[in-house]
Protein backbone atom coordinates (compact mmCIF):
# COMPACT_ATOMS: atom_id res chain seq x y z
CA GLY A 1 124.15 129.20 131.59
CA LYS A 2 120.70 127.85 131.19
CA ARG A 3 120.21 124.80 128.80
CA LYS A 4 117.01 125.28 126.65
CA ARG A 5 114.58 122.48 126.72
CA LEU A 6 113.42 121.45 123.18
CA SER A 7 109.79 120.73 122.25
CA THR A 8 109.11 117.07 121.01
CA SER A 9 107.14 116.09 118.01
CA VAL A 10 105.51 112.33 117.92
CA MET A 11 103.51 109.57 117.16
CA TYR A 12 101.05 110.13 119.73
CA ASP A 13 102.16 112.41 122.52
CA SER A 14 99.40 115.53 122.77
CA ASP A 15 95.99 115.10 122.87
CA GLU A 16 94.93 118.87 123.79
CA SER A 17 93.23 121.14 121.18
CA GLU A 18 92.54 125.01 121.49
CA ASP A 19 88.96 124.20 120.57
CA SER A 20 88.29 122.41 123.89
CA ASP A 21 88.34 125.57 125.96
CA ILE A 22 85.33 126.04 128.44
CA LEU A 23 83.34 128.73 127.39
CA VAL A 24 82.67 131.58 129.63
CA ARG A 25 79.51 133.98 129.61
CA LYS A 26 80.10 137.52 128.74
CA VAL A 27 78.13 139.78 131.15
CA SER A 28 77.80 143.51 130.36
CA ALA A 29 77.38 145.76 133.69
CA LYS A 30 73.67 147.28 133.38
CA ARG A 31 73.66 151.11 133.32
CA ARG A 32 71.18 153.14 135.21
CA CYS A 33 69.39 155.53 132.70
CA ILE A 34 66.26 157.64 133.29
CA MET A 35 63.59 157.13 130.67
CA ASP A 36 60.24 158.92 130.11
CA ASP A 37 57.11 156.80 130.89
CA ASP A 38 56.46 156.67 126.87
CA GLU A 39 59.88 155.35 126.29
CA SER A 40 59.70 152.61 128.92
CA SER A 41 56.27 151.44 127.78
CA GLU A 42 57.59 151.62 123.91
CA GLU A 43 60.76 149.12 125.22
CA GLN A 44 58.19 146.87 127.00
CA ARG A 45 56.20 146.24 124.12
CA ARG A 46 59.47 145.61 121.85
CA ASP A 47 60.47 143.12 124.36
CA LYS A 48 57.01 141.33 124.21
CA THR A 49 57.15 141.14 120.31
CA CYS A 50 60.57 139.19 120.23
CA PRO A 51 60.32 136.30 123.06
CA ALA A 52 63.49 134.86 124.19
CA GLU A 53 62.10 131.31 124.07
CA ASN A 54 62.30 131.25 120.55
CA VAL A 55 65.78 132.55 119.72
CA ALA A 56 67.02 130.04 122.45
CA THR A 57 65.22 127.06 120.91
CA ASN A 58 66.45 127.89 117.37
CA ARG A 59 70.34 128.36 118.89
CA LYS A 60 69.89 124.65 120.30
CA GLN A 61 68.76 123.05 117.16
CA GLN A 62 71.18 124.71 114.99
CA VAL A 63 74.07 123.52 117.49
CA LEU A 64 72.64 119.91 117.64
CA ALA A 65 72.62 119.70 113.73
CA LYS A 66 76.36 120.85 113.61
CA LEU A 67 77.38 118.14 116.05
CA LYS A 68 75.44 115.34 114.27
CA GLU A 69 77.39 116.68 110.95
CA LEU A 70 80.63 116.56 112.75
CA ALA A 71 79.84 112.87 113.71
CA ARG A 72 79.16 112.02 110.56
CA GLN A 73 82.19 113.61 108.81
CA SER A 74 84.45 111.63 111.54
CA THR A 75 82.84 108.28 110.80
CA ALA A 76 83.61 108.98 107.19
CA ARG A 77 87.16 109.79 107.58
CA ARG A 78 87.90 106.78 109.59
CA SER A 79 86.62 104.46 107.39
CA CYS A 80 88.31 105.73 104.24
CA SER A 81 91.68 103.99 104.99
CA SER A 82 92.28 100.92 102.63
CA ALA A 83 95.22 98.85 101.36
CA ASN A 84 96.01 98.93 97.74
CA CYS A 85 98.75 98.12 95.42
CA GLU A 86 99.81 99.10 91.66
CA ASP A 87 102.19 97.97 89.34
CA SER A 88 105.62 99.87 89.22
CA ASN A 89 107.91 100.30 86.41
CA SER A 90 110.38 97.26 85.14
CA GLU A 91 111.41 96.49 89.01
CA ALA A 92 107.90 95.83 89.68
CA GLU A 93 107.94 97.95 93.18
CA THR A 94 105.00 97.92 95.35
CA GLU A 95 102.50 100.73 96.01
CA GLU A 96 101.32 101.63 99.42
CA GLU A 97 97.64 101.67 100.45
CA PRO A 98 96.25 104.96 99.49
CA LEU A 99 95.13 106.80 102.61
CA CYS A 100 92.81 110.04 103.63
CA GLN A 101 94.75 112.50 104.81
CA LEU A 102 94.82 112.32 108.50
CA PRO A 103 96.65 114.68 111.17
CA LEU A 104 99.73 113.41 112.89
CA THR A 105 98.94 114.81 116.12
CA PRO A 106 95.86 116.49 117.80
CA SER A 107 97.99 119.68 118.20
CA GLU A 108 98.91 119.26 114.27
CA GLY A 109 95.19 118.45 113.33
CA SER A 110 93.61 119.35 110.05
CA GLU A 111 91.95 122.66 109.54
CA THR A 112 88.78 120.97 108.89
CA ASP A 113 88.43 119.91 112.39
CA SER A 114 89.53 123.44 113.76
CA ASP A 115 87.30 124.93 111.31
CA SER A 116 84.09 122.52 112.45
CA MET A 117 84.73 123.04 116.01
CA LYS A 118 84.67 126.81 115.57
CA ASP A 119 80.80 126.31 115.00
CA PHE A 120 80.21 124.96 118.62
CA ILE A 121 81.87 128.04 120.17
CA VAL A 122 78.69 129.59 121.42
CA GLU A 123 79.18 133.59 121.82
CA GLU A 124 76.71 134.72 124.38
CA GLU A 125 75.02 137.93 123.36
CA GLU A 126 74.80 140.71 126.00
CA ASP A 127 71.29 140.28 127.24
CA ASN A 128 69.70 142.26 130.36
CA ASN A 129 66.93 139.28 130.50
CA ASP A 130 67.79 136.89 133.44
CA ASP A 131 65.36 134.65 132.13
CA ASP A 132 68.17 133.32 129.60
CA ASP A 133 70.30 131.83 132.32
CA ASP A 134 69.05 128.16 131.70
CA ASP A 135 69.60 128.59 127.91
CA ASN A 136 73.20 129.93 128.23
CA THR A 137 73.87 126.80 130.59
CA GLU A 138 72.67 124.49 127.97
CA HIS A 139 74.67 126.10 125.01
CA VAL A 140 77.84 125.84 127.54
CA LYS A 141 76.98 122.07 128.12
CA ILE A 142 76.73 121.18 124.40
CA SER A 143 80.00 123.03 123.47
CA ILE A 144 82.16 121.19 126.23
CA GLY A 145 80.60 117.97 124.93
CA ALA A 146 81.58 118.68 121.23
CA SER A 147 85.02 119.49 122.36
CA CYS A 148 85.35 116.16 124.43
CA PHE A 149 84.13 114.26 121.34
CA PHE A 150 86.61 115.94 119.14
CA ILE A 151 89.55 115.14 121.36
CA LYS A 152 88.82 111.65 121.70
CA THR A 153 88.23 111.25 117.73
CA SER A 154 91.55 112.99 117.04
CA PHE A 155 93.63 110.80 119.51
CA TYR A 156 92.24 107.71 117.70
CA ILE A 157 92.80 109.05 114.38
CA SER A 158 96.62 110.36 115.24
CA ARG A 159 97.57 107.11 116.87
CA CYS A 160 96.07 104.91 113.55
CA ASP A 161 97.86 107.46 111.07
CA HIS A 162 101.38 106.74 113.52
CA TYR A 163 100.99 103.12 112.80
CA VAL A 164 100.04 103.64 108.92
CA HIS A 165 103.37 105.39 108.59
CA PHE A 166 105.20 102.79 110.38
CA LYS A 167 103.78 99.84 107.91
CA ARG A 168 104.83 101.99 104.55
CA ILE A 169 108.57 102.15 106.47
CA VAL A 170 108.33 98.31 106.74
CA LYS A 171 107.12 98.10 103.10
CA ALA A 172 109.80 100.04 101.96
CA PHE A 173 112.58 98.18 103.72
CA LEU A 174 111.46 94.87 102.24
CA ILE A 175 111.65 96.46 99.16
CA ASN A 176 115.26 97.60 99.55
CA ALA A 177 115.96 94.35 100.97
CA ILE A 178 115.34 92.72 97.40
CA ASP A 179 116.53 96.00 95.43
CA ASP A 180 119.31 97.74 97.33
CA THR A 181 118.97 100.91 95.26
CA PHE A 182 115.25 101.64 96.19
CA LEU A 183 115.97 103.83 99.33
CA SER A 184 118.64 105.88 97.54
CA SER A 185 116.27 106.21 94.49
CA LEU A 186 113.67 107.56 97.09
CA TYR A 187 115.70 110.26 98.34
CA ASP A 188 117.11 111.48 95.11
CA GLY A 189 114.07 111.96 93.40
CA THR A 190 114.11 109.36 90.72
CA ARG A 191 110.93 107.69 91.77
CA GLN A 192 107.79 109.91 91.30
CA LYS A 193 104.98 107.61 91.72
CA LYS A 194 102.37 108.04 94.51
CA TYR A 195 103.32 104.87 96.59
CA ALA A 196 107.00 105.92 96.58
CA GLN A 197 106.32 109.56 97.56
CA ASP A 198 104.07 108.24 100.33
CA MET A 199 106.96 106.03 101.59
CA LEU A 200 109.44 108.79 101.49
CA LEU A 201 106.92 111.11 103.54
CA SER A 202 106.78 108.31 106.31
CA LEU A 203 110.21 108.17 106.31
CA HIS A 204 110.72 111.81 107.12
CA TYR A 205 108.04 111.66 109.45
CA LEU A 206 109.93 108.68 111.46
CA ASP A 207 113.23 110.70 111.40
CA ASN A 208 111.92 114.38 111.76
CA ARG A 209 108.68 113.84 114.07
CA PHE A 210 109.23 110.83 116.05
CA ILE A 211 113.38 110.49 116.49
CA GLN A 212 115.13 113.53 115.98
CA PRO A 213 113.42 115.84 118.31
CA ARG A 214 113.93 113.38 121.27
CA LEU A 215 117.46 113.07 120.47
CA GLU A 216 118.06 116.74 120.55
CA ASN A 217 116.35 116.78 123.80
CA LEU A 218 118.31 114.07 125.42
CA ILE A 219 121.66 115.96 124.46
CA CYS A 220 120.72 119.26 125.13
CA ARG A 221 119.88 117.91 128.88
CA SER A 222 122.94 115.97 129.20
CA ARG A 223 126.48 117.24 129.88
CA TRP A 224 127.93 114.92 127.26
CA LYS A 225 131.03 115.88 125.35
CA ASP A 226 130.86 116.07 121.51
CA ARG A 227 133.16 113.48 120.91
CA TYR A 228 131.17 110.83 123.13
CA LYS A 229 128.22 111.49 121.18
CA GLU A 230 129.86 111.09 117.98
CA ARG A 231 130.98 107.91 118.98
CA VAL A 232 127.49 106.57 119.98
CA ASP A 233 126.05 108.04 116.81
CA CYS A 234 128.77 105.97 114.71
CA TYR A 235 128.25 102.61 116.31
CA PRO A 236 125.08 100.86 115.66
CA ASP A 237 125.80 98.22 118.59
CA VAL A 238 126.05 98.83 122.00
CA ARG A 239 126.61 96.69 125.11
CA ILE A 240 126.33 98.13 128.54
CA SER A 241 127.93 95.96 131.46
CA LEU A 242 128.11 96.57 134.81
CA LYS A 243 131.96 96.24 136.25
CA SER A 244 133.97 97.38 139.23
CA THR A 245 133.28 100.77 140.70
CA LYS A 246 135.87 103.11 140.25
CA ASN A 247 136.20 107.02 141.10
CA MET A 248 137.28 108.61 137.92
CA SER A 249 136.49 111.06 135.37
CA CYS A 250 133.37 109.81 133.27
CA GLN A 251 134.16 109.49 129.60
CA ALA A 252 130.87 110.86 128.50
CA CYS A 253 130.74 113.92 130.62
CA GLU A 254 134.23 114.16 131.72
CA LEU A 255 132.87 114.97 135.35
CA LYS A 256 134.08 113.22 138.44
CA ARG A 257 131.96 110.24 139.06
CA CYS A 258 131.63 106.87 140.66
CA CYS A 259 131.94 104.92 137.37
CA LYS A 260 130.59 101.32 137.31
CA PHE A 261 129.69 100.94 133.59
CA ASN A 262 131.47 99.98 130.56
CA VAL A 263 129.98 100.83 127.29
CA LEU A 264 130.85 98.61 124.43
CA LEU A 265 130.38 100.20 121.08
CA SER A 266 130.60 98.28 117.88
CA GLY A 267 129.30 97.78 114.16
CA ARG A 268 129.58 99.14 111.00
CA LEU A 269 129.21 102.76 110.15
CA TYR A 270 126.09 103.37 107.48
CA ASN A 271 124.29 106.15 105.95
CA SER A 272 121.45 107.49 107.72
CA LYS A 273 119.08 107.66 104.82
CA THR A 274 119.92 105.04 102.55
CA LEU A 275 121.18 102.67 105.05
CA GLU A 276 124.14 101.52 103.09
CA VAL A 277 126.82 100.36 105.23
CA ASP A 278 130.61 101.33 105.35
CA ASP A 279 132.90 98.45 105.54
CA PHE A 280 135.81 100.70 106.58
CA MET A 281 137.03 99.24 109.68
CA SER A 282 134.11 97.29 110.50
CA ASP A 283 135.69 95.44 113.41
CA ASP A 284 136.40 98.51 115.36
CA LYS A 285 135.17 98.75 118.89
CA GLN A 286 135.23 101.26 121.45
CA VAL A 287 135.28 100.66 125.50
CA LEU A 288 134.33 103.43 127.58
CA LYS A 289 133.83 103.81 131.44
CA VAL A 290 131.06 106.00 132.36
CA GLY A 291 128.81 106.78 135.52
CA VAL A 292 125.27 105.39 136.14
CA VAL A 293 123.45 108.53 134.81
CA CYS A 294 125.36 108.65 131.37
CA ALA A 295 124.76 104.75 130.97
CA ASN A 296 121.34 105.11 131.19
CA ARG A 297 121.28 107.94 129.00
CA THR A 298 123.36 106.13 126.58
CA ARG A 299 120.94 103.06 126.46
CA VAL A 300 118.06 105.52 125.74
CA TYR A 301 119.83 107.58 123.16
CA HIS A 302 121.18 104.59 121.22
CA ASN A 303 117.90 102.72 121.08
CA LEU A 304 116.29 105.88 119.23
CA LYS A 305 119.34 106.74 117.08
CA HIS A 306 119.66 103.06 115.64
CA PHE A 307 116.33 102.14 115.72
CA LYS A 308 115.49 102.56 112.01
CA TYR A 309 118.68 100.61 110.98
CA LYS A 310 117.92 97.77 113.39
CA LEU A 311 114.61 97.54 111.81
CA TYR A 312 115.95 97.61 108.29
CA MET A 313 118.17 94.84 109.59
CA HIS A 314 115.28 92.71 110.62
CA CYS A 315 113.68 93.26 107.52
CA SER A 316 116.71 92.26 105.32
CA SER A 317 116.97 89.11 107.53
CA VAL A 318 113.56 88.18 106.77
CA ALA A 319 113.90 88.60 102.79
CA GLU A 320 117.13 86.59 103.16
CA LEU A 321 115.38 83.63 104.66
CA ASP A 322 112.64 83.54 101.85
CA ASP A 323 113.18 80.63 99.94
CA VAL A 324 110.73 81.26 97.32
CA GLU A 325 112.37 81.85 93.63
CA ASP A 326 111.18 83.07 90.37
CA GLU A 327 108.33 85.50 91.92
CA PRO A 328 108.07 89.13 90.99
CA VAL A 329 109.35 91.26 93.43
CA LYS A 330 105.90 92.97 94.06
CA ASP A 331 104.27 89.60 95.02
CA THR A 332 107.28 88.62 97.30
CA VAL A 333 107.11 91.90 99.35
CA GLU A 334 103.31 91.83 99.55
CA ARG A 335 103.46 88.07 100.94
CA LEU A 336 106.08 88.74 103.33
CA PHE A 337 104.58 91.68 104.55
CA SER A 338 101.12 90.03 105.13
CA HIS A 339 103.20 87.41 107.09
CA LEU A 340 104.94 89.70 109.48
CA GLU A 341 101.61 91.86 109.97
CA GLU A 342 99.50 88.82 110.23
CA SER A 343 102.37 87.39 113.08
CA GLY A 344 102.05 90.46 115.01
CA TRP A 345 105.71 91.28 114.26
CA ILE A 346 105.03 94.65 112.93
CA GLN A 347 102.88 95.59 116.00
CA GLU A 348 105.68 94.32 118.25
CA ARG A 349 108.24 96.50 116.33
CA TYR A 350 106.06 99.36 116.66
CA ASN A 351 105.37 98.93 120.33
CA ASP A 352 109.22 98.87 120.95
CA LEU A 353 109.48 102.34 119.07
CA GLU A 354 106.67 103.66 121.44
CA ASP A 355 108.49 102.39 124.38
CA TYR A 356 111.72 103.92 123.45
CA MET A 357 110.13 107.60 122.43
CA GLU A 358 108.47 107.18 125.98
CA ASP A 359 111.85 106.43 127.68
CA ALA A 360 113.24 109.58 125.97
CA ASP A 361 110.35 111.49 127.07
CA SER A 362 110.46 110.50 130.66
CA PHE A 363 114.42 110.63 131.09
CA GLN A 364 115.31 112.93 133.93
CA GLU A 365 117.50 116.09 133.41
CA GLU A 366 120.98 115.62 134.84
CA LYS A 367 121.83 117.45 137.97
C-alpha cells in the first residue's frame, strides 16, 4: 500500500501566510438597460455629486494609517524580550526570562497578526466608472507591500522564538545537572512557578514540534522493521563504519541489499523526559550490517532522536567541571549559562539542531 507522508512542525520551516494572497479585482458584467431621458439625466446628476476621487483618496489614507500602526506594533513586540530571574523556593532555582508571546512559526502565527492583515485586504467595490482603475492598482500595490512586510517580520520573530526556547532548555539542564530532581518535578507538576512552566513548555516544543514529527516522517518513509527502530531508540551512542561489501539481507529493512556498513549501537538506556539513566546492561552493544540507504537514515534519525540527551550530557559535564564551592544554585546556574552564551557554545548547539532537522527534512524517500 501507499505510505503516508506526515507533515512536519519546526523551529523555523514555513514562512507563508494566507494573508499574503495577491488581490484580484472583482469585475461585474455591465448590463444593458433602457432608461428614459429623465432617469438618465438624474443618474448623471447623482454621479457628479459624489466624485470618485474623494473616495479613492480616503481609502489610500486609511490603508497607509493602518500600515504605520502595524509597523509600530511589530517594533514594540520585538523589543519586549528581556532576561530576568526570580528567587525560587529552598533550592534557589532560576527563573527564565519573561517573554512576550511570540508565534512559533508564521503558519502558527498569532491571531493578532492575522487580524491586522485583514485590514489591508481591499475589497474592490463594483463600479462602472473606468476612471477608478489607477486607484484600484494603488490599493493592490499597498496590500502586496503590507503582506511582504508581514512575512519578513514573522520570519524574524519565529526564528528568535525558537532560539529563546532553546536557551530555556539549556538553563533547565544546567539546573538538573546540579539538582537531579528538577526535571522530574517539572513533569510531575510539583513546580508551578512561571519560570518552571516556561521551561516545561519549551521542552514540549522541542519534543513535539521540532523532533518527533521528523522522526515519524523518517520512519513512515522507510522500510525499517520495528525491531531495528527499537534498537536505535534504546542506544544513545552510535558508530557507523564502512566495512567489506556483502550481498545479504539488510538487518534494518530485511531486504536483499549490497551491505557495506556496520552500525555499532551502545550506551545506557535513559528516560526520554527526565533523562535519568538505567544502569541495567549498561555495557551492552549491538552490531548490525546494513545497506547504504539504511546507514544514512540511521545517522539522521539517531542524531535527532538522542539530541536532547546529548545536550543534557554536555550541560552536566560543564557543571561537573565547575570548581566554585559554597555558591547558591541560582548564582551558579546564571554564571555557567552566561559563560556558555558568551562563548558561543549555546549558539553552536542550536546550529547543530537546525542542521539535524534540515537533514531529516531533505532525506530522500527510499525506493
